[in-house]
Amino acid sequence: MFWTPELAQTLEDAPWPATKDELLDYANRAGCPQQVLDNLLDLDDNDEMIEGIEDLWPEYEDMANEEYFYNDDEEEQYL
């Protein structure tokens, strides 16, 4: 399983908490990149609820607190 901040961010609006099947359904309907679908398919087949992206990728919370994401608002402020 390979996550990047951009891939993880595509699941930001997912219906948390969710099962693997619910996340796959959401990712398909939302048009998430194939790598996101592959990552979700790699999860164990069980009905365990996944509380958030941090359950899938624990480092995401640390990444989200850093400024790894490009922010359009910041660019506008310098124009």
N, C-alpha and C. Protein backbone atom coordinates (compact mmCIF):
# COMPACT_ATOMS: atom_id res chain seq x y z
N MET A 1 0.84 -1.16 0.00
CA MET A 1 0.00 0.00 0.00
C MET A 1 0.90 1.24 0.00
N PHE A 2 0.63 2.14 -0.93
CA PHE A 2 1.42 3.35 -1.08
C PHE A 2 0.50 4.56 -1.05
N TRP A 3 0.69 5.43 -0.07
CA TRP A 3 -0.13 6.63 0.06
C TRP A 3 0.73 7.86 -0.12
N THR A 4 0.14 8.88 -0.67
CA THR A 4 0.75 10.22 -0.70
C THR A 4 -0.30 11.16 -0.11
N PRO A 5 0.09 12.34 0.31
CA PRO A 5 -0.92 13.28 0.84
C PRO A 5 -2.04 13.56 -0.17
N GLU A 6 -1.68 13.67 -1.44
CA GLU A 6 -2.69 13.94 -2.46
C GLU A 6 -3.68 12.79 -2.61
N LEU A 7 -3.18 11.55 -2.57
CA LEU A 7 -4.06 10.38 -2.66
C LEU A 7 -4.97 10.31 -1.44
N ALA A 8 -4.40 10.50 -0.27
CA ALA A 8 -5.19 10.42 0.96
C ALA A 8 -6.25 11.51 0.98
N GLN A 9 -5.93 12.67 0.45
CA GLN A 9 -6.86 13.79 0.46
C GLN A 9 -8.11 13.48 -0.38
N THR A 10 -8.01 12.59 -1.36
CA THR A 10 -9.18 12.25 -2.18
C THR A 10 -10.25 11.54 -1.36
N LEU A 11 -9.88 11.02 -0.20
CA LEU A 11 -10.85 10.33 0.67
C LEU A 11 -11.33 11.23 1.81
N GLU A 12 -10.95 12.49 1.77
CA GLU A 12 -11.29 13.41 2.85
C GLU A 12 -12.81 13.49 3.09
N ASP A 13 -13.60 13.45 2.03
CA ASP A 13 -15.05 13.57 2.15
C ASP A 13 -15.77 12.22 2.20
N ALA A 14 -15.01 11.14 2.37
CA ALA A 14 -15.62 9.81 2.45
C ALA A 14 -16.55 9.73 3.67
N PRO A 15 -17.49 8.81 3.64
CA PRO A 15 -18.46 8.69 4.74
C PRO A 15 -17.88 7.98 5.96
N TRP A 16 -16.99 8.64 6.66
CA TRP A 16 -16.35 8.04 7.85
C TRP A 16 -17.33 7.96 9.00
N PRO A 17 -17.27 6.96 9.84
CA PRO A 17 -16.55 5.69 9.67
C PRO A 17 -17.21 4.85 8.59
N ALA A 18 -16.39 3.98 7.99
CA ALA A 18 -16.87 3.19 6.86
C ALA A 18 -16.16 1.84 6.82
N THR A 19 -16.79 0.89 6.17
CA THR A 19 -16.16 -0.41 5.94
C THR A 19 -15.33 -0.32 4.66
N LYS A 20 -14.54 -1.33 4.40
CA LYS A 20 -13.76 -1.40 3.17
C LYS A 20 -14.68 -1.27 1.96
N ASP A 21 -15.78 -2.01 1.94
CA ASP A 21 -16.70 -1.98 0.80
C ASP A 21 -17.32 -0.59 0.61
N GLU A 22 -17.66 0.07 1.70
CA GLU A 22 -18.22 1.43 1.59
C GLU A 22 -17.19 2.40 1.03
N LEU A 23 -15.94 2.25 1.45
CA LEU A 23 -14.89 3.13 0.94
C LEU A 23 -14.63 2.88 -0.54
N LEU A 24 -14.64 1.60 -0.93
CA LEU A 24 -14.46 1.29 -2.35
C LEU A 24 -15.59 1.87 -3.18
N ASP A 25 -16.81 1.75 -2.68
CA ASP A 25 -17.96 2.32 -3.39
C ASP A 25 -17.81 3.83 -3.52
N TYR A 26 -17.45 4.50 -2.44
CA TYR A 26 -17.25 5.95 -2.46
C TYR A 26 -16.15 6.32 -3.46
N ALA A 27 -15.02 5.63 -3.38
CA ALA A 27 -13.87 5.94 -4.25
C ALA A 27 -14.24 5.77 -5.72
N ASN A 28 -15.00 4.74 -6.04
CA ASN A 28 -15.44 4.54 -7.42
C ASN A 28 -16.36 5.67 -7.88
N ARG A 29 -17.34 6.02 -7.05
CA ARG A 29 -18.30 7.06 -7.41
C ARG A 29 -17.65 8.44 -7.48
N ALA A 30 -16.65 8.68 -6.63
CA ALA A 30 -15.99 9.99 -6.58
C ALA A 30 -14.89 10.14 -7.63
N GLY A 31 -14.59 9.06 -8.34
CA GLY A 31 -13.56 9.13 -9.37
C GLY A 31 -12.15 9.25 -8.82
N CYS A 32 -11.92 8.61 -7.68
CA CYS A 32 -10.58 8.62 -7.09
C CYS A 32 -9.59 7.94 -8.02
N PRO A 33 -8.31 8.31 -7.94
CA PRO A 33 -7.29 7.68 -8.77
C PRO A 33 -7.20 6.17 -8.52
N GLN A 34 -6.73 5.45 -9.53
CA GLN A 34 -6.62 4.00 -9.44
C GLN A 34 -5.77 3.56 -8.26
N GLN A 35 -4.74 4.32 -7.91
CA GLN A 35 -3.88 3.96 -6.77
C GLN A 35 -4.67 3.94 -5.47
N VAL A 36 -5.65 4.82 -5.32
CA VAL A 36 -6.50 4.82 -4.13
C VAL A 36 -7.32 3.54 -4.10
N LEU A 37 -7.91 3.18 -5.24
CA LEU A 37 -8.69 1.94 -5.33
C LEU A 37 -7.82 0.73 -5.02
N ASP A 38 -6.61 0.71 -5.57
CA ASP A 38 -5.68 -0.40 -5.30
C ASP A 38 -5.34 -0.49 -3.82
N ASN A 39 -5.11 0.67 -3.19
CA ASN A 39 -4.81 0.68 -1.75
C ASN A 39 -5.97 0.12 -0.94
N LEU A 40 -7.18 0.52 -1.30
CA LEU A 40 -8.36 0.03 -0.58
C LEU A 40 -8.56 -1.47 -0.81
N LEU A 41 -8.30 -1.93 -2.02
CA LEU A 41 -8.43 -3.36 -2.31
C LEU A 41 -7.44 -4.20 -1.51
N ASP A 42 -6.30 -3.60 -1.15
CA ASP A 42 -5.27 -4.29 -0.37
C ASP A 42 -5.66 -4.49 1.10
N LEU A 43 -6.71 -3.79 1.55
CA LEU A 43 -7.14 -3.94 2.95
C LEU A 43 -7.68 -5.34 3.20
N ASP A 44 -7.61 -5.78 4.45
CA ASP A 44 -8.16 -7.07 4.83
C ASP A 44 -9.66 -7.09 4.57
N ASP A 45 -10.15 -8.25 4.14
CA ASP A 45 -11.59 -8.42 3.92
C ASP A 45 -12.27 -8.73 5.24
N ASN A 46 -12.85 -7.72 5.85
CA ASN A 46 -13.62 -7.90 7.07
C ASN A 46 -14.61 -6.74 7.16
N ASP A 47 -15.48 -6.80 8.11
CA ASP A 47 -16.49 -5.76 8.27
C ASP A 47 -16.10 -4.71 9.31
N GLU A 48 -14.82 -4.67 9.64
CA GLU A 48 -14.34 -3.72 10.64
C GLU A 48 -14.50 -2.29 10.13
N MET A 49 -14.97 -1.42 11.01
CA MET A 49 -15.15 -0.02 10.64
C MET A 49 -13.80 0.70 10.65
N ILE A 50 -13.59 1.50 9.64
CA ILE A 50 -12.39 2.33 9.52
C ILE A 50 -12.83 3.73 9.90
N GLU A 51 -12.23 4.29 10.92
CA GLU A 51 -12.67 5.57 11.48
C GLU A 51 -12.25 6.77 10.64
N GLY A 52 -11.14 6.68 9.95
CA GLY A 52 -10.66 7.81 9.16
C GLY A 52 -9.41 7.41 8.39
N ILE A 53 -8.91 8.34 7.59
CA ILE A 53 -7.73 8.06 6.78
C ILE A 53 -6.54 7.69 7.66
N GLU A 54 -6.51 8.20 8.89
CA GLU A 54 -5.40 7.90 9.80
C GLU A 54 -5.35 6.41 10.13
N ASP A 55 -6.49 5.71 10.08
CA ASP A 55 -6.49 4.26 10.29
C ASP A 55 -5.81 3.53 9.13
N LEU A 56 -5.89 4.12 7.94
CA LEU A 56 -5.27 3.52 6.77
C LEU A 56 -3.81 3.92 6.63
N TRP A 57 -3.53 5.15 6.98
CA TRP A 57 -2.18 5.72 6.84
C TRP A 57 -1.90 6.60 8.05
N PRO A 58 -1.35 6.02 9.12
CA PRO A 58 -1.15 6.76 10.38
C PRO A 58 -0.34 8.06 10.23
N GLU A 59 0.54 8.13 9.26
CA GLU A 59 1.36 9.33 9.08
C GLU A 59 0.57 10.49 8.49
N TYR A 60 -0.64 10.24 8.02
CA TYR A 60 -1.42 11.30 7.36
C TYR A 60 -1.66 12.48 8.28
N GLU A 61 -1.97 12.22 9.53
CA GLU A 61 -2.24 13.32 10.46
C GLU A 61 -1.03 14.23 10.58
N ASP A 62 0.18 13.65 10.63
CA ASP A 62 1.39 14.46 10.70
C ASP A 62 1.56 15.26 9.41
N MET A 63 1.27 14.63 8.27
CA MET A 63 1.39 15.30 6.98
C MET A 63 0.38 16.44 6.87
N ALA A 64 -0.83 16.20 7.32
CA ALA A 64 -1.89 17.21 7.23
C ALA A 64 -1.56 18.42 8.09
N ASN A 65 -0.86 18.22 9.18
CA ASN A 65 -0.49 19.33 10.05
C ASN A 65 0.64 20.17 9.45
N GLU A 66 1.43 19.55 8.58
CA GLU A 66 2.48 20.27 7.87
C GLU A 66 1.85 20.96 6.67
N GLU A 67 2.61 21.77 5.99
CA GLU A 67 2.06 22.43 4.81
C GLU A 67 2.53 21.72 3.56
N TYR A 68 2.09 20.47 3.39
CA TYR A 68 2.44 19.69 2.22
C TYR A 68 1.48 19.94 1.07
N PHE A 69 0.33 20.49 1.35
CA PHE A 69 -0.68 20.69 0.33
C PHE A 69 -0.54 22.08 -0.26
N TYR A 70 -0.69 22.16 -1.55
CA TYR A 70 -0.67 23.44 -2.25
C TYR A 70 -1.96 24.18 -1.94
N ASN A 71 -1.86 25.43 -1.62
CA ASN A 71 -3.02 26.21 -1.24
C ASN A 71 -3.18 27.37 -2.22
N ASP A 72 -4.24 27.34 -3.02
CA ASP A 72 -4.49 28.41 -4.00
C ASP A 72 -4.61 29.77 -3.34
N ASP A 73 -5.16 29.82 -2.14
CA ASP A 73 -5.34 31.08 -1.44
C ASP A 73 -4.01 31.77 -1.15
N GLU A 74 -2.99 30.97 -0.87
CA GLU A 74 -1.68 31.55 -0.59
C GLU A 74 -1.13 32.23 -1.83
N GLU A 75 -1.34 31.63 -3.00
CA GLU A 75 -0.83 32.22 -4.24
C GLU A 75 -1.52 33.55 -4.52
N GLU A 76 -2.83 33.61 -4.33
CA GLU A 76 -3.58 34.82 -4.58
C GLU A 76 -3.12 35.97 -3.68
N GLN A 77 -2.70 35.64 -2.49
CA GLN A 77 -2.29 36.67 -1.54
C GLN A 77 -1.03 37.38 -2.04
N TYR A 78 -0.20 36.72 -2.87
CA TYR A 78 1.03 37.33 -3.35
C TYR A 78 0.87 37.99 -4.71
N LEU A 79 -0.30 37.88 -5.32
CA LEU A 79 -0.50 38.48 -6.66
C LEU A 79 -0.89 39.92 -6.58
